Each structure stands twice: as structure tokens, then as C-alpha cells.
Amino acid sequence: VIASGAMAQTKWSIDKVHSALKFSVTHMMVAETEGTFKVYDGSVDSKKEDDFTDAKINFSVDVNSINTDNERRDGHLRSDDFFNVAQFPTMKFESTSMKSLGANKYELKGNLTIRDVTRPVTFQVTYGGLLKTSRGTKAGFKATTTINRFDYKLKFDAKTETGGLVVGQDVEIVVKVELDKAAS
């Protein structure tokens, strides 16, 4: 008898109504400007329903959906100074590991691609839990990281009168997701 080493995968999809992809960056060295991406998709596959340490995560973002509540600024962010959405319309993340740190905390590592640059990134993740409802099984997570935008060729570097950057180099990314377990 030959035994198969493959285990059934638990597949999850993003509940986009209850999820958000946000970012913030320092503006003029004194305040933060926030924004979101409105169009994104992703999937999570894990071997167990309630243990995500082996999770394989794929996430893609339509960069053209950037929204900072200011159309002029959004247009600038879509330009070659930042994302160049005409040439690079999609931002992607693919996980390489998900390690439990205990107490509903995880460390998620993976490769983030912005423009034509792929670099490793680490997210700190809080697991909100698992809930079985009449509408199916749900799981929730909040993941945060900070990237240096210059590492991804988001090259706008105008200076203030005092010499600081108009737009800071560090960008905080916050991903809040509610996952729906796929029907068996």
C-alpha cells in the first residue's frame, strides 16, 4: 500500500467587504497622510482550519485603485514619481513563512513586488480568531509592516525649505483581513 503524503488544504478567500489595505507616510516632516487601495484580491491555503503556521498567502493589489481622498495627489502617486501604474499596474505579495510567536501573534515573511522590484518583507500579524457562523467559517487578521519606499523605486524626493523630505521614506502598511473558508 502506498500512502499519500499530501494533506487536504483548507482554502480561504478574502471577504472584501470586511477587509482593508491601508498605508500611511509622513508628509512635510510633521504629519501623516493616509491612503487605501480599494481593489485587491488574495488567497490563503493552510493544512489545518485553525493553525496558520503553514499558510501559503498570495495577495495582489490593483495599484490604480489608490485613494488618499485627493484626486490630484492620487494622480501623482499613479505617475512615474511613485508607482507608474501605466507600466506596473499590480503590486504583489507571496509568503515564504508564517511563524507562530504565541498569544495569537505571528511573523509573516514573504516577497513584496512593487513596480519591477521584489524584496523580502516581514509583517507582524495579530490573529483575531476563528468563528463558525451560519454564513460559514471566518478568520481575522491584522498585519503590519514598514517599508522604505526608495527600495521599490518610489523615487519622488522633493525637499522642504529646511531640507527634509516632503514625503517620508518609510511607509507603514496595515492589512486587515477577514477570511472566508471555502466550502468543502
Protein backbone atom coordinates (compact mmCIF):
# COMPACT_ATOMS: atom_id res chain seq x y z
CA VAL A 1 0.00 0.00 0.00
CA ILE A 2 1.33 3.40 -0.95
CA ALA A 3 0.34 6.23 1.39
CA SER A 4 -0.03 9.72 0.07
CA GLY A 5 1.86 12.43 1.96
CA ALA A 6 -0.49 15.10 0.70
CA MET A 7 -2.95 16.51 3.19
CA ALA A 8 -6.16 18.26 2.29
CA GLN A 9 -5.74 22.01 2.16
CA THR A 10 -8.05 24.48 3.84
CA LYS A 11 -8.65 27.25 1.34
CA TRP A 12 -9.62 30.77 2.38
CA SER A 13 -10.66 33.81 0.36
CA ILE A 14 -10.76 37.46 1.39
CA ASP A 15 -14.10 38.92 2.45
CA LYS A 16 -13.54 42.28 0.75
CA VAL A 17 -16.49 43.92 2.50
CA HIS A 18 -14.80 43.36 5.87
CA SER A 19 -11.15 43.88 4.88
CA ALA A 20 -8.91 46.88 4.17
CA LEU A 21 -5.45 47.67 2.81
CA LYS A 22 -4.12 50.95 4.21
CA PHE A 23 -0.87 52.87 4.29
CA SER A 24 0.49 55.99 5.94
CA VAL A 25 3.55 58.13 5.29
CA THR A 26 4.97 61.28 6.85
CA HIS A 27 4.18 64.49 4.96
CA MET A 28 6.26 67.66 5.29
CA MET A 29 8.05 66.03 8.26
CA VAL A 30 5.25 66.96 10.66
CA ALA A 31 2.11 64.97 9.88
CA GLU A 32 0.97 61.67 8.41
CA THR A 33 -1.02 61.20 5.24
CA GLU A 34 -3.07 58.04 4.89
CA GLY A 35 -4.45 56.16 1.95
CA THR A 36 -6.01 52.91 0.86
CA PHE A 37 -6.08 50.59 -2.08
CA LYS A 38 -9.68 49.81 -3.00
CA VAL A 39 -9.14 46.86 -5.38
CA TYR A 40 -7.21 43.79 -4.23
CA ASP A 41 -7.54 40.04 -4.03
CA GLY A 42 -5.84 37.18 -2.32
CA SER A 43 -5.96 33.67 -1.04
CA VAL A 44 -4.71 31.70 1.93
CA ASP A 45 -4.13 27.94 1.92
CA SER A 46 -3.34 26.08 5.14
CA LYS A 47 -3.29 22.45 6.21
CA LYS A 48 -5.48 22.99 9.25
CA GLU A 49 -8.50 25.20 9.73
CA ASP A 50 -7.24 26.78 12.96
CA ASP A 51 -3.45 26.71 12.56
CA PHE A 52 -1.91 29.09 10.05
CA THR A 53 1.77 28.26 10.65
CA ASP A 54 1.99 26.52 7.28
CA ALA A 55 -0.16 29.09 5.44
CA LYS A 56 0.63 29.96 1.84
CA ILE A 57 -0.55 33.50 1.19
CA ASN A 58 -0.88 35.28 -2.14
CA PHE A 59 -2.10 38.85 -2.39
CA SER A 60 -2.38 41.19 -5.37
CA VAL A 61 -3.32 44.86 -5.50
CA ASP A 62 -4.58 46.98 -8.39
CA VAL A 63 -2.32 49.98 -7.81
CA ASN A 64 -4.58 52.20 -9.91
CA SER A 65 -7.16 51.88 -7.10
CA ILE A 66 -5.04 54.02 -4.75
CA ASN A 67 -7.18 56.50 -2.81
CA THR A 68 -5.96 59.28 -0.50
CA ASP A 69 -9.19 61.33 -0.76
CA ASN A 70 -7.37 63.80 -3.03
CA GLU A 71 -7.56 63.18 -6.78
CA ARG A 72 -4.56 65.40 -7.57
CA ARG A 73 -2.36 63.54 -5.08
CA ASP A 74 -3.71 60.17 -6.27
CA GLY A 75 -2.79 61.13 -9.84
CA HIS A 76 0.74 61.99 -8.69
CA LEU A 77 1.01 58.65 -6.85
CA ARG A 78 -0.01 56.85 -10.07
CA SER A 79 2.77 58.65 -12.02
CA ASP A 80 6.36 57.53 -12.58
CA ASP A 81 7.44 59.55 -9.49
CA PHE A 82 5.81 56.79 -7.46
CA PHE A 83 4.01 53.67 -8.76
CA ASN A 84 3.97 54.21 -12.55
CA VAL A 85 0.68 52.33 -12.87
CA ALA A 86 0.81 52.50 -16.68
CA GLN A 87 3.81 50.17 -16.66
CA PHE A 88 3.37 48.42 -13.28
CA PRO A 89 -0.37 48.14 -12.55
CA THR A 90 -0.11 45.36 -9.95
CA MET A 91 1.58 45.09 -6.58
CA LYS A 92 2.04 41.53 -5.25
CA PHE A 93 2.89 39.67 -2.06
CA GLU A 94 3.75 35.97 -1.81
CA SER A 95 4.50 34.41 1.56
CA THR A 96 7.58 32.33 2.33
CA SER A 97 6.81 31.52 6.01
CA MET A 98 4.30 32.11 8.79
CA LYS A 99 5.71 31.51 12.27
CA SER A 100 3.67 31.45 15.47
CA LEU A 101 5.03 33.72 18.21
CA GLY A 102 2.36 32.60 20.71
CA ALA A 103 -0.57 34.58 22.15
CA ASN A 104 -2.27 34.97 18.73
CA LYS A 105 0.83 36.62 17.22
CA TYR A 106 2.60 35.54 14.06
CA GLU A 107 5.57 36.65 12.00
CA LEU A 108 4.76 36.55 8.29
CA LYS A 109 7.64 36.66 5.83
CA GLY A 110 7.38 36.92 2.09
CA ASN A 111 8.30 38.73 -1.08
CA LEU A 112 6.70 42.07 -1.91
CA THR A 113 6.80 43.28 -5.51
CA ILE A 114 6.22 46.96 -6.27
CA ARG A 115 7.00 48.26 -9.76
CA ASP A 116 9.72 45.88 -11.01
CA VAL A 117 11.36 45.36 -7.60
CA THR A 118 10.84 42.28 -5.43
CA ARG A 119 12.21 42.38 -1.89
CA PRO A 120 11.72 40.33 1.27
CA VAL A 121 9.42 41.86 3.87
CA THR A 122 8.27 40.83 7.35
CA PHE A 123 4.79 41.53 8.71
CA GLN A 124 3.84 41.40 12.38
CA VAL A 125 0.46 39.66 12.48
CA THR A 126 -2.27 39.52 15.10
CA TYR A 127 -4.73 36.67 14.72
CA GLY A 128 -8.24 37.79 15.69
CA GLY A 129 -9.58 34.26 15.90
CA LEU A 130 -11.86 31.80 14.18
CA LEU A 131 -15.65 31.83 14.20
CA LYS A 132 -18.12 29.35 12.77
CA THR A 133 -21.28 31.16 11.70
CA SER A 134 -24.42 30.36 9.74
CA ARG A 135 -22.61 32.01 6.80
CA GLY A 136 -19.55 29.80 7.12
CA THR A 137 -16.25 29.81 8.96
CA LYS A 138 -14.45 33.15 9.33
CA ALA A 139 -10.93 34.05 10.45
CA GLY A 140 -9.49 37.50 11.05
CA PHE A 141 -6.00 39.01 10.92
CA LYS A 142 -4.24 42.34 11.15
CA ALA A 143 -0.77 42.53 9.59
CA THR A 144 1.60 45.50 9.76
CA THR A 145 4.99 46.32 8.33
CA THR A 146 7.06 49.33 7.34
CA ILE A 147 8.95 49.57 4.07
CA ASN A 148 11.42 52.08 2.67
CA ARG A 149 9.69 53.37 -0.47
CA PHE A 150 13.02 54.16 -2.15
CA ASP A 151 13.83 50.40 -2.07
CA TYR A 152 10.92 49.98 -4.53
CA LYS A 153 11.80 52.88 -6.87
CA LEU A 154 9.08 55.17 -5.48
CA LYS A 155 11.60 57.89 -6.21
CA PHE A 156 9.92 61.27 -5.58
CA ASP A 157 12.36 63.12 -3.33
CA ALA A 158 11.34 66.79 -3.21
CA LYS A 159 12.69 68.59 -0.15
CA THR A 160 11.10 71.09 2.22
CA GLU A 161 12.67 74.51 2.82
CA THR A 162 14.55 73.02 5.77
CA GLY A 163 15.93 70.11 3.73
CA GLY A 164 13.66 67.27 4.91
CA LEU A 165 11.64 65.11 2.56
CA VAL A 166 8.19 66.35 1.54
CA VAL A 167 7.10 62.68 1.52
CA GLY A 168 8.85 60.46 4.09
CA GLN A 169 10.83 57.42 3.06
CA ASP A 170 9.16 54.98 5.47
CA VAL A 171 5.67 53.78 4.61
CA GLU A 172 3.61 51.90 7.17
CA ILE A 173 1.36 49.24 5.65
CA VAL A 174 -1.64 47.86 7.54
CA VAL A 175 -3.66 44.95 6.14
CA LYS A 176 -6.86 43.96 7.93
CA VAL A 177 -8.49 40.86 6.51
CA GLU A 178 -11.49 38.73 7.26
CA LEU A 179 -11.19 35.38 5.55
CA ASP A 180 -13.98 33.08 4.43
CA LYS A 181 -13.30 29.36 4.45
CA ALA A 182 -14.10 27.78 1.10
CA ALA A 183 -16.93 25.26 1.16
CA SER A 184 -15.71 21.67 1.22
